[in-house]
């Protein structure tokens, strides 16, 4: 038994040594950041910002790989099945925490097949309306929806996305019925909102603020407990009598399960340094996005908590399982 124990110990020590050596040389080639949404959306814009600065920091190319589809699950599955070497990184939203509860069957397990690396940003949502609809306030839009249940549409960046779940939470809290129109990312959803194909959408701050300020869409409200500095004229949902949405979302990084912990921590440290860059930090804060860059252990605790939270939301809102 003692001999077996020594052999096992030697193997574990060797594996740890390999992981440490890998971390010392990481990265030595191109890094791929997979964005599970369409180009042009908020997550893709963030990936481009991070990728540019990360490439400068580590002196290696960083490419952005957009893989939209299935509410972000297509790209997440690709990373889950990628080599566990830290060269393929998933940049996802908090929608990943809802996937297990929302879908009948997934080709991967978010809690087992992916390793949380770090929360990149914490963010709130802009609740936006179409300028093509006569409602100029959230109250007027709610009244119109109540007068004709199901006649108005809200968009999302895909079934099970954070934008979908928070819109469902809003519908439940406001006591209204909208028809859900999913899109392959938030960029085409914004296009539909501008065109008047949908009348309501929860938008990431980057897209929401820019389009409201550009007078392309109407700012009806913001989530969170206080108004955004970038949109001081837009009231919170709480101010307008809609309770329970004093919350936000996150964008975070994951790698395939089995990636050596030393490499996971190396990625986190690099991203934390990128987020500490004054130019990056200033740009994110201007969009109302809080740079985070916390440790893998800290983010893992947050991720597990959100999985439980979204499971409860999905059950309470009676959101049907997706195929």
C-alpha atoms as a PDB file:
ATOM      1  CA  UNK A   1       0.000   0.000   0.000  1.00  0.00           C
ATOM      2  CA  UNK A   2       2.825   2.345   0.891  1.00  0.00           C
ATOM      3  CA  UNK A   3       4.431   1.651  -2.501  1.00  0.00           C
ATOM      4  CA  UNK A   4       1.138   2.436  -4.282  1.00  0.00           C
ATOM      5  CA  UNK A   5       0.815   5.640  -2.289  1.00  0.00           C
ATOM      6  CA  UNK A   6       4.326   6.682  -3.270  1.00  0.00           C
ATOM      7  CA  UNK A   7       3.592   5.977  -6.935  1.00  0.00           C
ATOM      8  CA  UNK A   8       0.341   7.980  -6.845  1.00  0.00           C
ATOM      9  CA  UNK A   9       2.103  10.809  -5.058  1.00  0.00           C
ATOM     10  CA  UNK A  10       4.857  10.825  -7.657  1.00  0.00           C
ATOM     11  CA  UNK A  11       2.298  10.966 -10.480  1.00  0.00           C
ATOM     12  CA  UNK A  12       0.433  13.864  -8.857  1.00  0.00           C
ATOM     13  CA  UNK A  13       3.683  15.709  -8.265  1.00  0.00           C
ATOM     14  CA  UNK A  14       4.695  15.184 -11.886  1.00  0.00           C
ATOM     15  CA  UNK A  15       1.325  16.514 -13.090  1.00  0.00           C
ATOM     16  CA  UNK A  16       1.659  19.555 -10.864  1.00  0.00           C
ATOM     17  CA  UNK A  17       5.157  20.112 -12.201  1.00  0.00           C
ATOM     18  CA  UNK A  18       3.906  19.941 -15.788  1.00  0.00           C
ATOM     19  CA  UNK A  19       1.170  22.451 -14.953  1.00  0.00           C
ATOM     20  CA  UNK A  20       3.661  24.848 -13.370  1.00  0.00           C
ATOM     21  CA  UNK A  21       6.027  24.578 -16.325  1.00  0.00           C
ATOM     22  CA  UNK A  22       3.108  25.175 -18.698  1.00  0.00           C
ATOM     23  CA  UNK A  23       2.114  28.287 -16.772  1.00  0.00           C
ATOM     24  CA  UNK A  24       5.674  29.609 -16.937  1.00  0.00           C
ATOM     25  CA  UNK A  25       5.692  29.365 -20.737  1.00  0.00           C
ATOM     26  CA  UNK A  26       2.036  30.352 -21.221  1.00  0.00           C
ATOM     27  CA  UNK A  27       1.145  31.783 -23.621  1.00  0.00           C
ATOM     28  CA  UNK A  28       3.542  30.774 -26.346  1.00  0.00           C
ATOM     29  CA  UNK A  29       1.143  30.938 -29.309  1.00  0.00           C
ATOM     30  CA  UNK A  30      -2.156  32.388 -30.518  1.00  0.00           C
ATOM     31  CA  UNK A  31      -5.007  32.685 -28.002  1.00  0.00           C
ATOM     32  CA  UNK A  32      -8.570  32.327 -29.229  1.00  0.00           C
ATOM     33  CA  UNK A  33     -11.425  34.087 -27.403  1.00  0.00           C
ATOM     34  CA  UNK A  34     -14.751  32.495 -28.327  1.00  0.00           C
ATOM     35  CA  UNK A  35     -17.759  34.827 -28.228  1.00  0.00           C
ATOM     36  CA  UNK A  36     -21.020  32.831 -28.414  1.00  0.00           C
ATOM     37  CA  UNK A  37     -22.930  35.765 -29.946  1.00  0.00           C
ATOM     38  CA  UNK A  38     -22.974  37.634 -33.253  1.00  0.00           C
ATOM     39  CA  UNK A  39     -20.289  40.180 -34.186  1.00  0.00           C
ATOM     40  CA  UNK A  40     -21.103  43.760 -33.272  1.00  0.00           C
ATOM     41  CA  UNK A  41     -22.869  42.939 -30.037  1.00  0.00           C
ATOM     42  CA  UNK A  42     -21.820  44.038 -26.555  1.00  0.00           C
ATOM     43  CA  UNK A  43     -19.900  40.842 -25.761  1.00  0.00           C
ATOM     44  CA  UNK A  44     -18.065  40.985 -29.071  1.00  0.00           C
ATOM     45  CA  UNK A  45     -17.121  44.642 -28.520  1.00  0.00           C
ATOM     46  CA  UNK A  46     -15.761  43.750 -25.075  1.00  0.00           C
ATOM     47  CA  UNK A  47     -13.817  40.819 -26.533  1.00  0.00           C
ATOM     48  CA  UNK A  48     -12.172  43.078 -29.110  1.00  0.00           C
ATOM     49  CA  UNK A  49     -11.150  45.546 -26.405  1.00  0.00           C
ATOM     50  CA  UNK A  50      -9.740  42.822 -24.172  1.00  0.00           C
ATOM     51  CA  UNK A  51      -8.111  40.961 -27.033  1.00  0.00           C
ATOM     52  CA  UNK A  52      -6.205  43.996 -28.273  1.00  0.00           C
ATOM     53  CA  UNK A  53      -4.777  44.820 -24.852  1.00  0.00           C
ATOM     54  CA  UNK A  54      -4.144  41.168 -23.961  1.00  0.00           C
ATOM     55  CA  UNK A  55      -2.147  40.702 -27.156  1.00  0.00           C
ATOM     56  CA  UNK A  56      -0.013  43.730 -26.278  1.00  0.00           C
ATOM     57  CA  UNK A  57       0.535  42.368 -22.771  1.00  0.00           C
ATOM     58  CA  UNK A  58       1.481  38.764 -23.572  1.00  0.00           C
ATOM     59  CA  UNK A  59       3.143  39.479 -26.941  1.00  0.00           C
ATOM     60  CA  UNK A  60       1.037  36.850 -28.702  1.00  0.00           C
ATOM     61  CA  UNK A  61      -1.822  37.131 -31.235  1.00  0.00           C
ATOM     62  CA  UNK A  62      -5.352  37.070 -29.836  1.00  0.00           C
ATOM     63  CA  UNK A  63      -8.175  36.268 -32.256  1.00  0.00           C
ATOM     64  CA  UNK A  64     -11.905  36.693 -31.643  1.00  0.00           C
ATOM     65  CA  UNK A  65     -14.035  33.761 -32.787  1.00  0.00           C
ATOM     66  CA  UNK A  66     -17.775  34.594 -32.957  1.00  0.00           C
ATOM     67  CA  UNK A  67     -19.920  31.475 -32.758  1.00  0.00           C
ATOM     68  CA  UNK A  68     -23.542  32.553 -32.315  1.00  0.00           C
ATOM     69  CA  UNK A  69     -26.400  30.133 -31.879  1.00  0.00           C
ATOM     70  CA  UNK A  70     -28.543  28.259 -29.355  1.00  0.00           C
ATOM     71  CA  UNK A  71     -28.591  31.120 -26.864  1.00  0.00           C
ATOM     72  CA  UNK A  72     -24.821  31.040 -26.511  1.00  0.00           C
ATOM     73  CA  UNK A  73     -24.603  27.277 -26.062  1.00  0.00           C
ATOM     74  CA  UNK A  74     -22.975  26.613 -29.441  1.00  0.00           C
ATOM     75  CA  UNK A  75     -19.866  28.604 -28.585  1.00  0.00           C
ATOM     76  CA  UNK A  76     -19.800  27.361 -24.990  1.00  0.00           C
ATOM     77  CA  UNK A  77     -19.902  23.754 -26.197  1.00  0.00           C
ATOM     78  CA  UNK A  78     -16.992  24.397 -28.566  1.00  0.00           C
ATOM     79  CA  UNK A  79     -14.866  25.637 -25.665  1.00  0.00           C
ATOM     80  CA  UNK A  80     -15.972  22.812 -23.375  1.00  0.00           C
ATOM     81  CA  UNK A  81     -14.718  20.342 -25.996  1.00  0.00           C
ATOM     82  CA  UNK A  82     -11.504  22.238 -26.775  1.00  0.00           C
ATOM     83  CA  UNK A  83      -8.057  21.107 -25.571  1.00  0.00           C
ATOM     84  CA  UNK A  84      -7.659  22.049 -21.876  1.00  0.00           C
ATOM     85  CA  UNK A  85      -4.554  24.127 -22.431  1.00  0.00           C
ATOM     86  CA  UNK A  86      -5.766  27.711 -21.911  1.00  0.00           C
ATOM     87  CA  UNK A  87      -5.511  28.720 -25.568  1.00  0.00           C
ATOM     88  CA  UNK A  88      -9.276  28.655 -26.151  1.00  0.00           C
ATOM     89  CA  UNK A  89     -11.157  30.972 -23.789  1.00  0.00           C
ATOM     90  CA  UNK A  90     -14.916  31.504 -23.589  1.00  0.00           C
ATOM     91  CA  UNK A  91     -16.242  35.019 -22.977  1.00  0.00           C
ATOM     92  CA  UNK A  92     -19.875  34.519 -21.974  1.00  0.00           C
ATOM     93  CA  UNK A  93     -22.656  36.301 -20.135  1.00  0.00           C
ATOM     94  CA  UNK A  94     -24.603  35.241 -17.052  1.00  0.00           C
ATOM     95  CA  UNK A  95     -26.873  33.374 -19.466  1.00  0.00           C
ATOM     96  CA  UNK A  96     -24.478  30.455 -19.023  1.00  0.00           C
ATOM     97  CA  UNK A  97     -25.662  30.143 -15.423  1.00  0.00           C
ATOM     98  CA  UNK A  98     -29.237  29.557 -16.603  1.00  0.00           C
ATOM     99  CA  UNK A  99     -28.518  27.076 -19.390  1.00  0.00           C
ATOM    100  CA  UNK A 100     -28.833  23.904 -17.313  1.00  0.00           C
ATOM    101  CA  UNK A 101     -32.254  24.917 -16.000  1.00  0.00           C
ATOM    102  CA  UNK A 102     -33.570  26.298 -19.267  1.00  0.00           C
ATOM    103  CA  UNK A 103     -32.666  23.572 -21.757  1.00  0.00           C
ATOM    104  CA  UNK A 104     -33.992  20.026 -21.731  1.00  0.00           C
ATOM    105  CA  UNK A 105     -30.660  18.711 -22.914  1.00  0.00           C
ATOM    106  CA  UNK A 106     -27.249  20.286 -23.355  1.00  0.00           C
ATOM    107  CA  UNK A 107     -24.227  18.772 -25.111  1.00  0.00           C
ATOM    108  CA  UNK A 108     -22.105  19.949 -22.169  1.00  0.00           C
ATOM    109  CA  UNK A 109     -22.481  20.598 -18.437  1.00  0.00           C
ATOM    110  CA  UNK A 110     -21.714  24.258 -17.597  1.00  0.00           C
ATOM    111  CA  UNK A 111     -20.805  23.366 -14.003  1.00  0.00           C
ATOM    112  CA  UNK A 112     -18.583  20.389 -14.853  1.00  0.00           C
ATOM    113  CA  UNK A 113     -17.176  20.895 -18.349  1.00  0.00           C
ATOM    114  CA  UNK A 114     -16.081  24.515 -17.942  1.00  0.00           C
ATOM    115  CA  UNK A 115     -13.800  26.120 -15.379  1.00  0.00           C
ATOM    116  CA  UNK A 116     -14.629  29.663 -14.192  1.00  0.00           C
ATOM    117  CA  UNK A 117     -11.594  31.926 -14.695  1.00  0.00           C
ATOM    118  CA  UNK A 118     -12.711  35.440 -13.790  1.00  0.00           C
ATOM    119  CA  UNK A 119     -15.630  37.845 -13.953  1.00  0.00           C
ATOM    120  CA  UNK A 120     -14.556  40.496 -16.441  1.00  0.00           C
ATOM    121  CA  UNK A 121     -17.292  43.091 -15.918  1.00  0.00           C
ATOM    122  CA  UNK A 122     -20.434  43.536 -13.857  1.00  0.00           C
ATOM    123  CA  UNK A 123     -23.179  45.411 -15.648  1.00  0.00           C
ATOM    124  CA  UNK A 124     -26.776  46.582 -15.538  1.00  0.00           C
ATOM    125  CA  UNK A 125     -29.349  46.721 -18.329  1.00  0.00           C
ATOM    126  CA  UNK A 126     -30.984  49.505 -20.293  1.00  0.00           C
ATOM    127  CA  UNK A 127     -34.699  48.903 -20.845  1.00  0.00           C
ATOM    128  CA  UNK A 128     -35.383  50.323 -24.301  1.00  0.00           C
ATOM    129  CA  UNK A 129     -38.397  50.977 -26.454  1.00  0.00           C
ATOM    130  CA  UNK A 130     -38.806  51.578 -30.172  1.00  0.00           C
ATOM    131  CA  UNK A 131     -39.252  55.109 -31.449  1.00  0.00           C
ATOM    132  CA  UNK A 132     -41.755  53.636 -33.910  1.00  0.00           C
ATOM    133  CA  UNK A 133     -44.160  52.915 -31.027  1.00  0.00           C
ATOM    134  CA  UNK A 134     -46.208  55.817 -29.579  1.00  0.00           C
ATOM    135  CA  UNK A 135     -45.439  54.931 -25.930  1.00  0.00           C
ATOM    136  CA  UNK A 136     -42.918  57.461 -24.619  1.00  0.00           C
ATOM    137  CA  UNK A 137     -42.643  56.075 -21.074  1.00  0.00           C
ATOM    138  CA  UNK A 138     -42.457  52.639 -19.542  1.00  0.00           C
ATOM    139  CA  UNK A 139     -45.846  53.212 -17.926  1.00  0.00           C
ATOM    140  CA  UNK A 140     -47.429  53.929 -21.291  1.00  0.00           C
ATOM    141  CA  UNK A 141     -45.868  50.804 -22.817  1.00  0.00           C
ATOM    142  CA  UNK A 142     -47.107  48.669 -19.910  1.00  0.00           C
ATOM    143  CA  UNK A 143     -50.589  50.130 -20.327  1.00  0.00           C
ATOM    144  CA  UNK A 144     -50.549  49.335 -24.059  1.00  0.00           C
ATOM    145  CA  UNK A 145     -49.416  45.765 -23.343  1.00  0.00           C
ATOM    146  CA  UNK A 146     -52.154  45.285 -20.744  1.00  0.00           C
ATOM    147  CA  UNK A 147     -54.792  46.610 -23.142  1.00  0.00           C
ATOM    148  CA  UNK A 148     -53.826  44.006 -25.765  1.00  0.00           C
ATOM    149  CA  UNK A 149     -51.968  41.081 -24.127  1.00  0.00           C
ATOM    150  CA  UNK A 150     -49.416  39.487 -26.428  1.00  0.00           C
ATOM    151  CA  UNK A 151     -49.774  42.131 -29.149  1.00  0.00           C
ATOM    152  CA  UNK A 152     -46.421  43.759 -28.366  1.00  0.00           C
ATOM    153  CA  UNK A 153     -43.065  42.073 -28.879  1.00  0.00           C
ATOM    154  CA  UNK A 154     -39.892  42.062 -26.862  1.00  0.00           C
ATOM    155  CA  UNK A 155     -36.594  40.886 -28.261  1.00  0.00           C
ATOM    156  CA  UNK A 156     -33.727  38.908 -26.795  1.00  0.00           C
ATOM    157  CA  UNK A 157     -30.281  37.830 -27.892  1.00  0.00           C
ATOM    158  CA  UNK A 158     -31.478  34.237 -27.907  1.00  0.00           C
ATOM    159  CA  UNK A 159     -33.574  31.831 -25.848  1.00  0.00           C
ATOM    160  CA  UNK A 160     -32.161  31.548 -22.341  1.00  0.00           C
ATOM    161  CA  UNK A 161     -29.944  34.604 -22.659  1.00  0.00           C
ATOM    162  CA  UNK A 162     -29.748  37.062 -19.793  1.00  0.00           C
ATOM    163  CA  UNK A 163     -31.768  39.494 -21.888  1.00  0.00           C
ATOM    164  CA  UNK A 164     -34.498  36.871 -22.264  1.00  0.00           C
ATOM    165  CA  UNK A 165     -34.624  35.994 -18.571  1.00  0.00           C
ATOM    166  CA  UNK A 166     -34.679  39.571 -17.361  1.00  0.00           C
ATOM    167  CA  UNK A 167     -37.422  40.452 -19.855  1.00  0.00           C
ATOM    168  CA  UNK A 168     -39.455  37.541 -18.478  1.00  0.00           C
ATOM    169  CA  UNK A 169     -38.790  38.754 -14.939  1.00  0.00           C
ATOM    170  CA  UNK A 170     -39.990  42.203 -15.998  1.00  0.00           C
ATOM    171  CA  UNK A 171     -43.152  40.817 -17.604  1.00  0.00           C
ATOM    172  CA  UNK A 172     -43.945  38.914 -14.422  1.00  0.00           C
ATOM    173  CA  UNK A 173     -43.194  41.861 -12.125  1.00  0.00           C
ATOM    174  CA  UNK A 174     -45.223  44.310 -14.245  1.00  0.00           C
ATOM    175  CA  UNK A 175     -48.078  41.870 -14.798  1.00  0.00           C
ATOM    176  CA  UNK A 176     -47.980  42.109 -18.590  1.00  0.00           C
ATOM    177  CA  UNK A 177     -47.764  39.684 -21.497  1.00  0.00           C
ATOM    178  CA  UNK A 178     -45.335  40.316 -24.364  1.00  0.00           C
ATOM    179  CA  UNK A 179     -44.493  38.007 -27.268  1.00  0.00           C
ATOM    180  CA  UNK A 180     -40.857  36.864 -27.222  1.00  0.00           C
ATOM    181  CA  UNK A 181     -38.864  37.290 -30.450  1.00  0.00           C
ATOM    182  CA  UNK A 182     -35.364  35.771 -30.148  1.00  0.00           C
ATOM    183  CA  UNK A 183     -32.426  36.914 -32.285  1.00  0.00           C
ATOM    184  CA  UNK A 184     -28.919  35.590 -32.864  1.00  0.00           C
ATOM    185  CA  UNK A 185     -27.234  38.143 -30.625  1.00  0.00           C
ATOM    186  CA  UNK A 186     -27.992  41.623 -29.325  1.00  0.00           C
ATOM    187  CA  UNK A 187     -26.812  43.440 -32.485  1.00  0.00           C
ATOM    188  CA  UNK A 188     -29.634  42.106 -34.712  1.00  0.00           C
ATOM    189  CA  UNK A 189     -32.044  42.596 -31.795  1.00  0.00           C
ATOM    190  CA  UNK A 190     -31.132  46.304 -31.642  1.00  0.00           C
ATOM    191  CA  UNK A 191     -31.628  46.544 -35.411  1.00  0.00           C
ATOM    192  CA  UNK A 192     -35.125  45.087 -34.980  1.00  0.00           C
ATOM    193  CA  UNK A 193     -35.874  47.531 -32.169  1.00  0.00           C
ATOM    194  CA  UNK A 194     -34.815  50.482 -34.310  1.00  0.00           C
ATOM    195  CA  UNK A 195     -36.963  49.188 -37.180  1.00  0.00           C
ATOM    196  CA  UNK A 196     -39.983  48.777 -34.903  1.00  0.00           C
ATOM    197  CA  UNK A 197     -40.226  44.989 -35.355  1.00  0.00           C
ATOM    198  CA  UNK A 198     -40.085  44.733 -31.561  1.00  0.00           C
ATOM    199  CA  UNK A 199     -41.292  47.289 -29.056  1.00  0.00           C
ATOM    200  CA  UNK A 200     -39.204  46.434 -26.001  1.00  0.00           C
ATOM    201  CA  UNK A 201     -35.776  45.032 -25.187  1.00  0.00           C
ATOM    202  CA  UNK A 202     -33.362  44.717 -22.297  1.00  0.00           C
ATOM    203  CA  UNK A 203     -29.996  45.815 -23.662  1.00  0.00           C
ATOM    204  CA  UNK A 204     -26.411  45.531 -22.433  1.00  0.00           C
ATOM    205  CA  UNK A 205     -25.155  48.920 -21.339  1.00  0.00           C
ATOM    206  CA  UNK A 206     -22.685  49.323 -24.206  1.00  0.00           C
ATOM    207  CA  UNK A 207     -25.376  49.025 -26.873  1.00  0.00           C
ATOM    208  CA  UNK A 208     -28.151  50.563 -24.801  1.00  0.00           C
ATOM    209  CA  UNK A 209     -26.350  53.770 -23.862  1.00  0.00           C
ATOM    210  CA  UNK A 210     -24.902  54.344 -27.339  1.00  0.00           C
ATOM    211  CA  UNK A 211     -28.224  53.891 -29.130  1.00  0.00           C
ATOM    212  CA  UNK A 212     -30.250  55.911 -26.645  1.00  0.00           C
ATOM    213  CA  UNK A 213     -27.759  58.767 -26.869  1.00  0.00           C
ATOM    214  CA  UNK A 214     -27.818  58.433 -30.653  1.00  0.00           C
ATOM    215  CA  UNK A 215     -31.616  58.881 -30.597  1.00  0.00           C
ATOM    216  CA  UNK A 216     -32.092  55.541 -32.358  1.00  0.00           C
ATOM    217  CA  UNK A 217     -34.117  53.979 -29.539  1.00  0.00           C
ATOM    218  CA  UNK A 218     -35.954  55.260 -26.473  1.00  0.00           C
ATOM    219  CA  UNK A 219     -34.578  54.801 -22.955  1.00  0.00           C
ATOM    220  CA  UNK A 220     -37.497  53.659 -20.798  1.00  0.00           C
ATOM    221  CA  UNK A 221     -35.650  52.537 -17.686  1.00  0.00           C
ATOM    222  CA  UNK A 222     -32.545  50.977 -16.201  1.00  0.00           C
ATOM    223  CA  UNK A 223     -32.083  48.064 -13.850  1.00  0.00           C
ATOM    224  CA  UNK A 224     -30.158  48.516 -10.643  1.00  0.00           C
ATOM    225  CA  UNK A 225     -30.872  50.515  -7.526  1.00  0.00           C
ATOM    226  CA  UNK A 226     -29.762  53.878  -8.929  1.00  0.00           C
ATOM    227  CA  UNK A 227     -29.671  55.709 -12.238  1.00  0.00           C
ATOM    228  CA  UNK A 228     -26.744  55.335 -14.604  1.00  0.00           C
ATOM    229  CA  UNK A 229     -24.321  58.236 -14.723  1.00  0.00           C
ATOM    230  CA  UNK A 230     -24.283  57.910 -18.530  1.00  0.00           C
ATOM    231  CA  UNK A 231     -28.112  58.160 -18.729  1.00  0.00           C
ATOM    232  CA  UNK A 232     -29.111  60.360 -15.795  1.00  0.00           C
ATOM    233  CA  UNK A 233     -32.464  61.254 -17.376  1.00  0.00           C
ATOM    234  CA  UNK A 234     -33.621  57.609 -17.551  1.00  0.00           C
ATOM    235  CA  UNK A 235     -35.315  56.449 -14.323  1.00  0.00           C
ATOM    236  CA  UNK A 236     -34.779  53.070 -12.706  1.00  0.00           C
ATOM    237  CA  UNK A 237     -37.483  50.431 -12.903  1.00  0.00           C
ATOM    238  CA  UNK A 238     -37.863  50.713  -9.146  1.00  0.00           C
ATOM    239  CA  UNK A 239     -38.672  54.422  -9.477  1.00  0.00           C
ATOM    240  CA  UNK A 240     -41.431  53.433 -11.897  1.00  0.00           C
ATOM    241  CA  UNK A 241     -42.996  50.890  -9.574  1.00  0.00           C
ATOM    242  CA  UNK A 242     -41.456  47.713 -11.016  1.00  0.00           C
ATOM    243  CA  UNK A 243     -39.755  45.843  -8.184  1.00  0.00           C
ATOM    244  CA  UNK A 244     -37.404  42.876  -8.168  1.00  0.00           C
ATOM    245  CA  UNK A 245     -35.059  43.894 -10.996  1.00  0.00           C
ATOM    246  CA  UNK A 246     -32.488  45.826  -8.970  1.00  0.00           C
ATOM    247  CA  UNK A 247     -29.961  43.437 -10.457  1.00  0.00           C
ATOM    248  CA  UNK A 248     -27.584  43.163 -13.358  1.00  0.00           C
ATOM    249  CA  UNK A 249     -25.511  40.745 -15.336  1.00  0.00           C
ATOM    250  CA  UNK A 250     -21.881  39.880 -15.939  1.00  0.00           C
ATOM    251  CA  UNK A 251     -19.464  38.944 -18.674  1.00  0.00           C
ATOM    252  CA  UNK A 252     -16.905  36.363 -17.640  1.00  0.00           C
ATOM    253  CA  UNK A 253     -14.247  33.992 -18.908  1.00  0.00           C
ATOM    254  CA  UNK A 254     -14.163  30.208 -18.808  1.00  0.00           C
ATOM    255  CA  UNK A 255     -11.849  27.479 -20.095  1.00  0.00           C
ATOM    256  CA  UNK A 256     -12.282  23.766 -20.643  1.00  0.00           C
ATOM    257  CA  UNK A 257     -12.331  21.501 -17.604  1.00  0.00           C
ATOM    258  CA  UNK A 258      -8.957  19.885 -17.045  1.00  0.00           C
ATOM    259  CA  UNK A 259      -7.003  23.053 -17.761  1.00  0.00           C
ATOM    260  CA  UNK A 260      -4.117  23.133 -15.237  1.00  0.00           C
ATOM    261  CA  UNK A 261      -4.938  25.451 -12.302  1.00  0.00           C
ATOM    262  CA  UNK A 262      -1.644  27.271 -12.806  1.00  0.00           C
ATOM    263  CA  UNK A 263      -2.709  28.237 -16.339  1.00  0.00           C
ATOM    264  CA  UNK A 264      -6.205  29.223 -15.155  1.00  0.00           C
ATOM    265  CA  UNK A 265      -4.612  31.562 -12.617  1.00  0.00           C
ATOM    266  CA  UNK A 266      -2.190  32.892 -15.254  1.00  0.00           C
ATOM    267  CA  UNK A 267      -5.123  33.833 -17.509  1.00  0.00           C
ATOM    268  CA  UNK A 268      -6.896  35.535 -14.600  1.00  0.00           C
ATOM    269  CA  UNK A 269      -3.800  37.553 -13.693  1.00  0.00           C
ATOM    270  CA  UNK A 270      -3.376  38.669 -17.307  1.00  0.00           C
ATOM    271  CA  UNK A 271      -7.007  39.737 -17.583  1.00  0.00           C
ATOM    272  CA  UNK A 272      -6.788  41.572 -14.242  1.00  0.00           C
ATOM    273  CA  UNK A 273      -3.798  43.511 -15.601  1.00  0.00           C
ATOM    274  CA  UNK A 274      -5.697  44.331 -18.793  1.00  0.00           C
ATOM    275  CA  UNK A 275      -8.650  45.610 -16.750  1.00  0.00           C
ATOM    276  CA  UNK A 276      -6.296  47.737 -14.649  1.00  0.00           C
ATOM    277  CA  UNK A 277      -5.034  49.514 -17.763  1.00  0.00           C
ATOM    278  CA  UNK A 278      -6.214  53.154 -17.419  1.00  0.00           C
ATOM    279  CA  UNK A 279      -7.538  53.327 -20.984  1.00  0.00           C
ATOM    280  CA  UNK A 280      -9.484  50.079 -20.680  1.00  0.00           C
ATOM    281  CA  UNK A 281     -10.839  50.981 -17.262  1.00  0.00           C
ATOM    282  CA  UNK A 282     -11.893  54.469 -18.383  1.00  0.00           C
ATOM    283  CA  UNK A 283     -13.697  53.110 -21.435  1.00  0.00           C
ATOM    284  CA  UNK A 284     -15.564  50.473 -19.444  1.00  0.00           C
ATOM    285  CA  UNK A 285     -16.589  52.874 -16.701  1.00  0.00           C
ATOM    286  CA  UNK A 286     -17.825  55.355 -19.320  1.00  0.00           C
ATOM    287  CA  UNK A 287     -20.211  52.637 -20.468  1.00  0.00           C
ATOM    288  CA  UNK A 288     -21.356  52.002 -16.910  1.00  0.00           C
ATOM    289  CA  UNK A 289     -19.539  48.669 -16.793  1.00  0.00           C
ATOM    290  CA  UNK A 290     -17.605  47.821 -13.645  1.00  0.00           C
ATOM    291  CA  UNK A 291     -14.249  46.113 -14.283  1.00  0.00           C
ATOM    292  CA  UNK A 292     -13.853  43.149 -11.914  1.00  0.00           C
ATOM    293  CA  UNK A 293     -11.076  40.637 -12.662  1.00  0.00           C
ATOM    294  CA  UNK A 294     -11.616  38.566  -9.501  1.00  0.00           C
ATOM    295  CA  UNK A 295      -9.910  35.239  -8.718  1.00  0.00           C
ATOM    296  CA  UNK A 296     -11.091  31.882 -10.077  1.00  0.00           C
ATOM    297  CA  UNK A 297     -12.267  30.827  -6.598  1.00  0.00           C
ATOM    298  CA  UNK A 298     -14.214  34.051  -6.081  1.00  0.00           C
ATOM    299  CA  UNK A 299     -15.914  33.831  -9.444  1.00  0.00           C
ATOM    300  CA  UNK A 300     -16.652  30.115  -9.053  1.00  0.00           C
ATOM    301  CA  UNK A 301     -18.660  30.908  -5.905  1.00  0.00           C
ATOM    302  CA  UNK A 302     -20.582  33.625  -7.791  1.00  0.00           C
ATOM    303  CA  UNK A 303     -21.235  31.292 -10.736  1.00  0.00           C
ATOM    304  CA  UNK A 304     -22.622  28.513  -8.552  1.00  0.00           C
ATOM    305  CA  UNK A 305     -24.830  31.003  -6.726  1.00  0.00           C
ATOM    306  CA  UNK A 306     -26.200  32.333 -10.022  1.00  0.00           C
ATOM    307  CA  UNK A 307     -26.957  28.823 -11.268  1.00  0.00           C
ATOM    308  CA  UNK A 308     -29.196  28.355  -8.226  1.00  0.00           C
ATOM    309  CA  UNK A 309     -30.719  31.847  -8.581  1.00  0.00           C
ATOM    310  CA  UNK A 310     -31.643  31.447 -12.232  1.00  0.00           C
ATOM    311  CA  UNK A 311     -33.082  27.992 -11.624  1.00  0.00           C
ATOM    312  CA  UNK A 312     -35.491  29.604  -9.160  1.00  0.00           C
ATOM    313  CA  UNK A 313     -36.346  32.448 -11.571  1.00  0.00           C
ATOM    314  CA  UNK A 314     -37.076  30.027 -14.413  1.00  0.00           C
ATOM    315  CA  UNK A 315     -39.325  27.943 -12.186  1.00  0.00           C
ATOM    316  CA  UNK A 316     -41.216  30.932 -10.762  1.00  0.00           C
ATOM    317  CA  UNK A 317     -41.714  32.542 -14.187  1.00  0.00           C
ATOM    318  CA  UNK A 318     -42.876  29.212 -15.664  1.00  0.00           C
ATOM    319  CA  UNK A 319     -40.413  29.576 -18.533  1.00  0.00           C
ATOM    320  CA  UNK A 320     -40.784  26.442 -20.680  1.00  0.00           C
ATOM    321  CA  UNK A 321     -37.803  24.205 -21.280  1.00  0.00           C
ATOM    322  CA  UNK A 322     -36.108  24.696 -24.619  1.00  0.00           C
ATOM    323  CA  UNK A 323     -34.964  21.955 -26.968  1.00  0.00           C
END
